[in-house]
Amino acid sequence: MASSGSFSTSGYDGRYLVFSWSISSQSIANNTTTIQWSLKGAGTANASWYMAGPFTVVIAGSTVYSSSTRIQLYNGTTVASGTKIISHNSAGAASFSASVSAAIYTFAVNCSGSGSWSLTSIPRQATITSAPNFNDEANPSITYSNPAGSAVTTLQAC
């Protein structure tokens, strides 16, 4: 289970891009993870900068950044950054992939990269820790552990 990750794209003459992300927060109530991500220029090259663009960043199947504007891409230039909310399944598990495509020096896309990760799971179900034997005329007492904490206000036991 990952709480952060990164990948590098292919490049032109030693200049490439690095996509990185980390968990910003997790919501037990909403069963989601919010990640913070960034795309930066990297690498050494014969020139200190190259004109670059367009850029496209796709996270979990959604385009989160797309720009056809050309920029001067240095080592360390932040091209884009943002946040993305990723939904978990009913078991609290989630995975996502990200991809980047860009043009460095040329006008046509010539650099790309991708990665995929499994996120830290979110606890979903309560567990009964004690249920002493009782009949239908007794006043039952059940104790449980609830990993969702106060995010869950109602539990049903059968």
N, C-alpha and C. Protein backbone atom coordinates (compact mmCIF):
# COMPACT_ATOMS: atom_id res chain seq x y z
N MET A 1 0.84 -1.19 0.00
CA MET A 1 0.00 0.00 0.00
C MET A 1 0.88 1.24 0.00
N ALA A 2 0.62 2.12 -0.94
CA ALA A 2 1.47 3.30 -1.09
C ALA A 2 0.80 4.55 -0.53
N SER A 3 1.62 5.41 0.06
CA SER A 3 1.14 6.72 0.50
C SER A 3 1.75 7.83 -0.36
N SER A 4 2.65 7.45 -1.27
CA SER A 4 3.23 8.41 -2.21
C SER A 4 3.86 7.63 -3.36
N GLY A 5 4.19 8.33 -4.43
CA GLY A 5 4.81 7.67 -5.56
C GLY A 5 5.23 8.68 -6.62
N SER A 6 5.96 8.19 -7.60
CA SER A 6 6.41 9.07 -8.69
C SER A 6 6.83 8.23 -9.89
N PHE A 7 6.94 8.89 -11.02
CA PHE A 7 7.54 8.28 -12.21
C PHE A 7 8.14 9.37 -13.08
N SER A 8 9.07 8.98 -13.91
CA SER A 8 9.70 9.89 -14.86
C SER A 8 9.22 9.57 -16.27
N THR A 9 9.08 10.59 -17.07
CA THR A 9 8.71 10.38 -18.47
C THR A 9 9.98 10.13 -19.29
N SER A 10 9.78 9.71 -20.51
CA SER A 10 10.88 9.73 -21.46
C SER A 10 11.25 11.20 -21.68
N GLY A 11 12.37 11.46 -22.36
CA GLY A 11 12.80 12.84 -22.45
C GLY A 11 13.40 13.21 -23.78
N TYR A 12 13.87 14.44 -23.83
CA TYR A 12 14.56 14.96 -25.02
C TYR A 12 15.89 15.56 -24.56
N ASP A 13 16.98 15.04 -25.06
CA ASP A 13 18.32 15.57 -24.80
C ASP A 13 18.60 15.75 -23.30
N GLY A 14 18.13 14.80 -22.49
CA GLY A 14 18.39 14.85 -21.06
C GLY A 14 17.36 15.57 -20.24
N ARG A 15 16.42 16.25 -20.87
CA ARG A 15 15.35 16.94 -20.14
C ARG A 15 14.10 16.07 -20.19
N TYR A 16 13.47 15.86 -19.03
CA TYR A 16 12.27 15.04 -18.94
C TYR A 16 11.38 15.60 -17.85
N LEU A 17 10.29 14.92 -17.55
CA LEU A 17 9.33 15.36 -16.53
C LEU A 17 9.22 14.32 -15.44
N VAL A 18 8.96 14.77 -14.23
CA VAL A 18 8.71 13.86 -13.10
C VAL A 18 7.32 14.17 -12.54
N PHE A 19 6.48 13.14 -12.52
CA PHE A 19 5.17 13.22 -11.87
C PHE A 19 5.31 12.62 -10.48
N SER A 20 4.83 13.32 -9.47
CA SER A 20 4.88 12.79 -8.10
C SER A 20 3.57 13.09 -7.39
N TRP A 21 3.25 12.24 -6.43
CA TRP A 21 2.02 12.41 -5.67
C TRP A 21 2.22 11.92 -4.23
N SER A 22 1.36 12.39 -3.34
CA SER A 22 1.33 11.90 -1.96
C SER A 22 -0.08 12.06 -1.41
N ILE A 23 -0.40 11.25 -0.42
CA ILE A 23 -1.73 11.34 0.20
C ILE A 23 -1.81 12.62 1.01
N SER A 24 -2.83 13.40 0.73
CA SER A 24 -3.09 14.63 1.47
C SER A 24 -4.00 14.34 2.66
N SER A 25 -5.05 13.53 2.41
CA SER A 25 -5.98 13.18 3.48
C SER A 25 -6.81 11.98 3.05
N GLN A 26 -7.38 11.31 4.03
CA GLN A 26 -8.34 10.23 3.78
C GLN A 26 -9.59 10.50 4.58
N SER A 27 -10.75 10.23 3.99
CA SER A 27 -12.03 10.42 4.66
C SER A 27 -12.69 9.07 4.87
N ILE A 28 -12.79 8.67 6.14
CA ILE A 28 -13.49 7.43 6.45
C ILE A 28 -14.97 7.58 6.12
N ALA A 29 -15.53 8.74 6.44
CA ALA A 29 -16.97 8.96 6.20
C ALA A 29 -17.31 8.88 4.72
N ASN A 30 -16.47 9.45 3.86
CA ASN A 30 -16.76 9.47 2.42
C ASN A 30 -16.11 8.33 1.66
N ASN A 31 -15.24 7.54 2.35
CA ASN A 31 -14.53 6.42 1.74
C ASN A 31 -13.69 6.90 0.55
N THR A 32 -12.95 7.99 0.76
CA THR A 32 -12.14 8.58 -0.30
C THR A 32 -10.75 8.95 0.20
N THR A 33 -9.83 9.05 -0.74
CA THR A 33 -8.49 9.56 -0.49
C THR A 33 -8.26 10.77 -1.38
N THR A 34 -7.71 11.83 -0.82
CA THR A 34 -7.32 12.99 -1.59
C THR A 34 -5.81 12.97 -1.74
N ILE A 35 -5.35 13.01 -2.98
CA ILE A 35 -3.91 13.06 -3.22
C ILE A 35 -3.51 14.44 -3.72
N GLN A 36 -2.29 14.82 -3.40
CA GLN A 36 -1.69 16.03 -3.94
C GLN A 36 -0.68 15.58 -4.99
N TRP A 37 -0.67 16.21 -6.15
CA TRP A 37 0.22 15.80 -7.22
C TRP A 37 0.94 16.99 -7.83
N SER A 38 2.07 16.71 -8.47
CA SER A 38 2.78 17.77 -9.18
C SER A 38 3.52 17.18 -10.38
N LEU A 39 3.78 18.03 -11.35
CA LEU A 39 4.54 17.68 -12.54
C LEU A 39 5.65 18.70 -12.69
N LYS A 40 6.91 18.22 -12.70
CA LYS A 40 8.05 19.13 -12.74
C LYS A 40 9.05 18.72 -13.82
N GLY A 41 9.76 19.70 -14.34
CA GLY A 41 10.86 19.45 -15.24
C GLY A 41 12.04 18.89 -14.47
N ALA A 42 12.83 18.03 -15.11
CA ALA A 42 13.97 17.41 -14.44
C ALA A 42 15.06 17.08 -15.44
N GLY A 43 16.22 16.72 -14.92
CA GLY A 43 17.31 16.23 -15.76
C GLY A 43 18.28 17.31 -16.19
N THR A 44 19.47 16.87 -16.53
CA THR A 44 20.47 17.78 -17.08
C THR A 44 20.41 17.71 -18.60
N ALA A 45 20.73 18.82 -19.23
CA ALA A 45 20.64 18.87 -20.69
C ALA A 45 21.71 19.81 -21.22
N ASN A 46 21.93 19.78 -22.51
CA ASN A 46 22.91 20.66 -23.13
C ASN A 46 22.50 22.13 -23.02
N ALA A 47 21.21 22.38 -23.05
CA ALA A 47 20.70 23.74 -22.87
C ALA A 47 20.05 23.84 -21.49
N SER A 48 20.07 25.03 -20.89
CA SER A 48 19.48 25.18 -19.55
C SER A 48 17.96 25.04 -19.60
N TRP A 49 17.35 25.36 -20.73
CA TRP A 49 15.91 25.18 -20.88
C TRP A 49 15.56 24.84 -22.32
N TYR A 50 14.41 24.21 -22.46
CA TYR A 50 13.82 23.91 -23.77
C TYR A 50 12.38 24.39 -23.76
N MET A 51 11.92 24.86 -24.88
CA MET A 51 10.49 25.14 -24.99
C MET A 51 9.74 23.81 -24.93
N ALA A 52 8.65 23.81 -24.20
CA ALA A 52 7.90 22.56 -24.01
C ALA A 52 6.40 22.85 -23.97
N GLY A 53 5.63 21.87 -24.36
CA GLY A 53 4.19 21.95 -24.41
C GLY A 53 3.74 21.45 -25.79
N PRO A 54 2.59 20.86 -25.88
CA PRO A 54 1.54 20.76 -24.86
C PRO A 54 1.85 19.72 -23.78
N PHE A 55 1.04 19.77 -22.71
CA PHE A 55 1.13 18.84 -21.59
C PHE A 55 -0.25 18.26 -21.30
N THR A 56 -0.28 16.98 -20.94
CA THR A 56 -1.53 16.35 -20.48
C THR A 56 -1.22 15.44 -19.30
N VAL A 57 -2.01 15.59 -18.23
CA VAL A 57 -1.89 14.73 -17.06
C VAL A 57 -3.24 14.06 -16.83
N VAL A 58 -3.23 12.73 -16.78
CA VAL A 58 -4.45 11.96 -16.53
C VAL A 58 -4.26 11.17 -15.25
N ILE A 59 -5.20 11.30 -14.31
CA ILE A 59 -5.17 10.56 -13.05
C ILE A 59 -6.49 9.84 -12.88
N ALA A 60 -6.42 8.55 -12.62
CA ALA A 60 -7.61 7.72 -12.39
C ALA A 60 -8.64 7.91 -13.51
N GLY A 61 -8.16 7.99 -14.73
CA GLY A 61 -9.06 8.07 -15.88
C GLY A 61 -9.58 9.46 -16.21
N SER A 62 -9.23 10.46 -15.41
CA SER A 62 -9.70 11.83 -15.66
C SER A 62 -8.53 12.73 -16.01
N THR A 63 -8.72 13.57 -16.99
CA THR A 63 -7.69 14.55 -17.33
C THR A 63 -7.74 15.67 -16.30
N VAL A 64 -6.67 15.80 -15.52
CA VAL A 64 -6.62 16.81 -14.46
C VAL A 64 -5.85 18.05 -14.89
N TYR A 65 -5.09 17.93 -15.98
CA TYR A 65 -4.37 19.09 -16.50
C TYR A 65 -4.13 18.89 -17.99
N SER A 66 -4.43 19.92 -18.74
CA SER A 66 -4.17 19.91 -20.19
C SER A 66 -3.87 21.33 -20.63
N SER A 67 -2.73 21.52 -21.26
CA SER A 67 -2.37 22.85 -21.71
C SER A 67 -1.58 22.75 -23.01
N SER A 68 -1.92 23.60 -23.96
CA SER A 68 -1.18 23.66 -25.22
C SER A 68 -0.19 24.83 -25.22
N THR A 69 -0.15 25.57 -24.11
CA THR A 69 0.77 26.70 -24.00
C THR A 69 2.21 26.21 -23.92
N ARG A 70 3.10 26.84 -24.66
CA ARG A 70 4.52 26.49 -24.63
C ARG A 70 5.19 27.28 -23.50
N ILE A 71 6.06 26.61 -22.75
CA ILE A 71 6.77 27.25 -21.65
C ILE A 71 8.26 26.93 -21.74
N GLN A 72 9.07 27.70 -21.04
CA GLN A 72 10.48 27.40 -20.91
C GLN A 72 10.64 26.36 -19.80
N LEU A 73 11.07 25.17 -20.15
CA LEU A 73 11.16 24.07 -19.19
C LEU A 73 12.60 23.90 -18.71
N TYR A 74 12.84 24.32 -17.48
CA TYR A 74 14.12 24.15 -16.81
C TYR A 74 14.07 22.91 -15.93
N ASN A 75 15.22 22.48 -15.44
CA ASN A 75 15.27 21.48 -14.38
C ASN A 75 14.67 22.11 -13.13
N GLY A 76 13.57 21.56 -12.63
CA GLY A 76 12.91 22.10 -11.44
C GLY A 76 11.68 22.94 -11.72
N THR A 77 11.40 23.24 -12.98
CA THR A 77 10.19 23.99 -13.32
C THR A 77 8.94 23.22 -12.92
N THR A 78 8.06 23.84 -12.15
CA THR A 78 6.76 23.22 -11.85
C THR A 78 5.81 23.53 -13.01
N VAL A 79 5.44 22.50 -13.72
CA VAL A 79 4.53 22.65 -14.87
C VAL A 79 3.09 22.76 -14.38
N ALA A 80 2.71 21.90 -13.44
CA ALA A 80 1.34 21.88 -12.93
C ALA A 80 1.32 21.16 -11.60
N SER A 81 0.30 21.44 -10.82
CA SER A 81 0.09 20.73 -9.55
C SER A 81 -1.39 20.84 -9.19
N GLY A 82 -1.82 19.98 -8.30
CA GLY A 82 -3.22 20.01 -7.90
C GLY A 82 -3.56 18.89 -6.96
N THR A 83 -4.85 18.69 -6.77
CA THR A 83 -5.35 17.61 -5.93
C THR A 83 -6.35 16.78 -6.72
N LYS A 84 -6.51 15.55 -6.30
CA LYS A 84 -7.46 14.64 -6.95
C LYS A 84 -8.07 13.76 -5.88
N ILE A 85 -9.40 13.64 -5.88
CA ILE A 85 -10.10 12.76 -4.94
C ILE A 85 -10.32 11.41 -5.60
N ILE A 86 -9.91 10.35 -4.91
CA ILE A 86 -10.04 8.99 -5.44
C ILE A 86 -10.97 8.20 -4.53
N SER A 87 -12.01 7.61 -5.12
CA SER A 87 -12.98 6.83 -4.35
C SER A 87 -12.48 5.41 -4.12
N HIS A 88 -12.77 4.88 -2.93
CA HIS A 88 -12.43 3.50 -2.60
C HIS A 88 -13.65 2.61 -2.82
N ASN A 89 -13.43 1.31 -2.92
CA ASN A 89 -14.55 0.38 -3.09
C ASN A 89 -15.18 0.06 -1.73
N SER A 90 -16.19 -0.80 -1.72
CA SER A 90 -16.93 -1.08 -0.50
C SER A 90 -16.08 -1.77 0.56
N ALA A 91 -14.96 -2.38 0.16
CA ALA A 91 -14.06 -3.02 1.12
C ALA A 91 -13.01 -2.04 1.63
N GLY A 92 -13.01 -0.81 1.12
CA GLY A 92 -12.06 0.20 1.56
C GLY A 92 -10.78 0.23 0.76
N ALA A 93 -10.69 -0.56 -0.32
CA ALA A 93 -9.47 -0.61 -1.13
C ALA A 93 -9.61 0.31 -2.34
N ALA A 94 -8.45 0.78 -2.81
CA ALA A 94 -8.45 1.62 -4.02
C ALA A 94 -7.08 1.56 -4.67
N SER A 95 -7.08 1.64 -5.98
CA SER A 95 -5.84 1.77 -6.73
C SER A 95 -6.10 2.77 -7.84
N PHE A 96 -5.03 3.37 -8.35
CA PHE A 96 -5.21 4.32 -9.44
C PHE A 96 -3.95 4.32 -10.30
N SER A 97 -4.10 4.84 -11.47
CA SER A 97 -2.96 5.00 -12.37
C SER A 97 -2.91 6.45 -12.82
N ALA A 98 -1.74 6.86 -13.27
CA ALA A 98 -1.55 8.21 -13.77
C ALA A 98 -0.66 8.14 -15.01
N SER A 99 -0.88 9.05 -15.92
CA SER A 99 -0.05 9.11 -17.12
C SER A 99 0.19 10.57 -17.50
N VAL A 100 1.31 10.79 -18.14
CA VAL A 100 1.71 12.12 -18.58
C VAL A 100 2.17 12.03 -20.03
N SER A 101 1.76 12.97 -20.83
CA SER A 101 2.31 13.11 -22.18
C SER A 101 2.66 14.57 -22.40
N ALA A 102 3.74 14.80 -23.11
CA ALA A 102 4.21 16.17 -23.31
C ALA A 102 5.10 16.26 -24.54
N ALA A 103 5.30 17.47 -24.99
CA ALA A 103 6.24 17.75 -26.07
C ALA A 103 7.37 18.60 -25.49
N ILE A 104 8.58 18.11 -25.62
CA ILE A 104 9.75 18.88 -25.21
C ILE A 104 10.58 19.17 -26.47
N TYR A 105 10.82 20.43 -26.71
CA TYR A 105 11.53 20.98 -27.87
C TYR A 105 10.64 20.97 -29.12
N THR A 106 10.10 19.82 -29.47
CA THR A 106 9.23 19.73 -30.65
C THR A 106 7.83 20.22 -30.31
N PHE A 107 7.01 20.37 -31.33
CA PHE A 107 5.61 20.75 -31.11
C PHE A 107 4.72 19.51 -30.95
N ALA A 108 5.21 18.37 -31.42
CA ALA A 108 4.44 17.12 -31.31
C ALA A 108 4.84 16.38 -30.04
N VAL A 109 3.89 15.67 -29.45
CA VAL A 109 4.17 14.91 -28.21
C VAL A 109 5.29 13.91 -28.48
N ASN A 110 6.34 13.99 -27.67
CA ASN A 110 7.48 13.08 -27.83
C ASN A 110 7.97 12.50 -26.50
N CYS A 111 7.28 12.82 -25.41
CA CYS A 111 7.66 12.31 -24.09
C CYS A 111 6.42 11.81 -23.36
N SER A 112 6.54 10.66 -22.73
CA SER A 112 5.39 10.12 -21.99
C SER A 112 5.87 9.20 -20.88
N GLY A 113 4.98 8.93 -19.94
CA GLY A 113 5.28 8.02 -18.85
C GLY A 113 4.01 7.72 -18.09
N SER A 114 4.05 6.67 -17.27
CA SER A 114 2.87 6.30 -16.49
C SER A 114 3.28 5.47 -15.28
N GLY A 115 2.34 5.35 -14.35
CA GLY A 115 2.55 4.52 -13.17
C GLY A 115 1.22 4.15 -12.56
N SER A 116 1.23 3.14 -11.71
CA SER A 116 0.00 2.75 -11.00
C SER A 116 0.36 2.30 -9.60
N TRP A 117 -0.58 2.52 -8.68
CA TRP A 117 -0.34 2.27 -7.26
C TRP A 117 -1.62 1.82 -6.58
N SER A 118 -1.46 1.08 -5.48
CA SER A 118 -2.57 0.74 -4.58
C SER A 118 -2.46 1.65 -3.37
N LEU A 119 -3.56 2.30 -3.02
CA LEU A 119 -3.58 3.23 -1.90
C LEU A 119 -3.76 2.50 -0.57
N THR A 120 -3.37 3.18 0.49
CA THR A 120 -3.63 2.68 1.84
C THR A 120 -5.13 2.49 2.00
N SER A 121 -5.53 1.32 2.51
CA SER A 121 -6.96 0.99 2.65
C SER A 121 -7.62 1.85 3.73
N ILE A 122 -8.92 2.01 3.58
CA ILE A 122 -9.73 2.73 4.57
C ILE A 122 -10.58 1.70 5.30
N PRO A 123 -10.53 1.68 6.65
CA PRO A 123 -11.33 0.70 7.40
C PRO A 123 -12.83 0.89 7.16
N ARG A 124 -13.54 -0.20 6.97
CA ARG A 124 -14.94 -0.09 6.60
C ARG A 124 -15.94 -0.75 7.54
N GLN A 125 -15.63 -1.88 8.17
CA GLN A 125 -16.70 -2.57 8.89
C GLN A 125 -16.37 -2.74 10.36
N ALA A 126 -17.43 -2.69 11.16
CA ALA A 126 -17.31 -2.93 12.59
C ALA A 126 -17.23 -4.43 12.85
N THR A 127 -16.60 -4.80 13.97
CA THR A 127 -16.45 -6.20 14.35
C THR A 127 -16.99 -6.40 15.75
N ILE A 128 -17.86 -7.39 15.91
CA ILE A 128 -18.39 -7.71 17.24
C ILE A 128 -17.28 -8.34 18.07
N THR A 129 -17.03 -7.77 19.24
CA THR A 129 -15.99 -8.29 20.13
C THR A 129 -16.57 -9.13 21.26
N SER A 130 -17.85 -8.92 21.58
CA SER A 130 -18.49 -9.71 22.63
C SER A 130 -20.00 -9.71 22.43
N ALA A 131 -20.58 -10.93 22.49
CA ALA A 131 -22.04 -11.07 22.40
C ALA A 131 -22.42 -12.27 23.26
N PRO A 132 -22.54 -12.05 24.58
CA PRO A 132 -22.85 -13.17 25.49
C PRO A 132 -24.14 -13.86 25.09
N ASN A 133 -24.22 -15.13 25.40
CA ASN A 133 -25.39 -15.93 25.05
C ASN A 133 -26.65 -15.32 25.67
N PHE A 134 -27.69 -15.18 24.87
CA PHE A 134 -28.96 -14.64 25.37
C PHE A 134 -30.09 -15.24 24.54
N ASN A 135 -31.31 -15.13 25.08
CA ASN A 135 -32.48 -15.62 24.35
C ASN A 135 -33.36 -14.45 23.95
N ASP A 136 -34.51 -14.78 23.35
CA ASP A 136 -35.38 -13.71 22.84
C ASP A 136 -36.11 -12.95 23.94
N GLU A 137 -35.97 -13.38 25.18
CA GLU A 137 -36.60 -12.65 26.29
C GLU A 137 -35.57 -11.86 27.09
N ALA A 138 -34.32 -12.01 26.76
CA ALA A 138 -33.26 -11.33 27.51
C ALA A 138 -33.01 -9.94 26.94
N ASN A 139 -32.25 -9.17 27.68
CA ASN A 139 -31.84 -7.85 27.24
C ASN A 139 -30.40 -7.97 26.75
N PRO A 140 -30.21 -8.15 25.45
CA PRO A 140 -28.86 -8.45 24.95
C PRO A 140 -27.91 -7.27 25.11
N SER A 141 -26.64 -7.60 25.27
CA SER A 141 -25.58 -6.60 25.34
C SER A 141 -24.50 -7.03 24.34
N ILE A 142 -24.20 -6.17 23.42
CA ILE A 142 -23.20 -6.46 22.39
C ILE A 142 -22.14 -5.36 22.45
N THR A 143 -20.89 -5.76 22.42
CA THR A 143 -19.81 -4.79 22.30
C THR A 143 -19.10 -5.02 20.96
N TYR A 144 -18.53 -3.95 20.42
CA TYR A 144 -17.91 -4.05 19.10
C TYR A 144 -16.76 -3.04 19.00
N SER A 145 -15.91 -3.32 18.07
CA SER A 145 -14.89 -2.34 17.71
C SER A 145 -15.27 -1.75 16.36
N ASN A 146 -15.11 -0.46 16.22
CA ASN A 146 -15.54 0.23 15.01
C ASN A 146 -14.38 1.04 14.45
N PRO A 147 -13.67 0.52 13.45
CA PRO A 147 -12.52 1.24 12.90
C PRO A 147 -12.89 2.56 12.24
N ALA A 148 -14.16 2.73 11.90
CA ALA A 148 -14.60 3.99 11.29
C ALA A 148 -14.81 5.07 12.33
N GLY A 149 -14.76 4.72 13.61
CA GLY A 149 -14.88 5.70 14.69
C GLY A 149 -16.18 6.48 14.62
N SER A 150 -16.10 7.76 14.94
CA SER A 150 -17.30 8.59 15.00
C SER A 150 -17.85 8.95 13.63
N ALA A 151 -17.15 8.54 12.56
CA ALA A 151 -17.66 8.81 11.21
C ALA A 151 -18.93 8.01 10.93
N VAL A 152 -19.13 6.90 11.68
CA VAL A 152 -20.34 6.10 11.55
C VAL A 152 -21.17 6.31 12.80
N THR A 153 -22.42 6.72 12.63
CA THR A 153 -23.26 7.04 13.78
C THR A 153 -24.30 5.95 14.07
N THR A 154 -24.48 5.01 13.14
CA THR A 154 -25.48 3.96 13.32
C THR A 154 -24.90 2.63 12.87
N LEU A 155 -25.09 1.61 13.71
CA LEU A 155 -24.69 0.24 13.36
C LEU A 155 -25.86 -0.67 13.59
N GLN A 156 -26.03 -1.67 12.75
CA GLN A 156 -27.09 -2.66 12.91
C GLN A 156 -26.46 -4.02 13.11
N ALA A 157 -26.99 -4.77 14.07
CA ALA A 157 -26.52 -6.15 14.33
C ALA A 157 -27.70 -7.08 14.21
N CYS A 158 -27.52 -8.23 13.60
CA CYS A 158 -28.58 -9.21 13.43
C CYS A 158 -28.14 -10.53 14.07
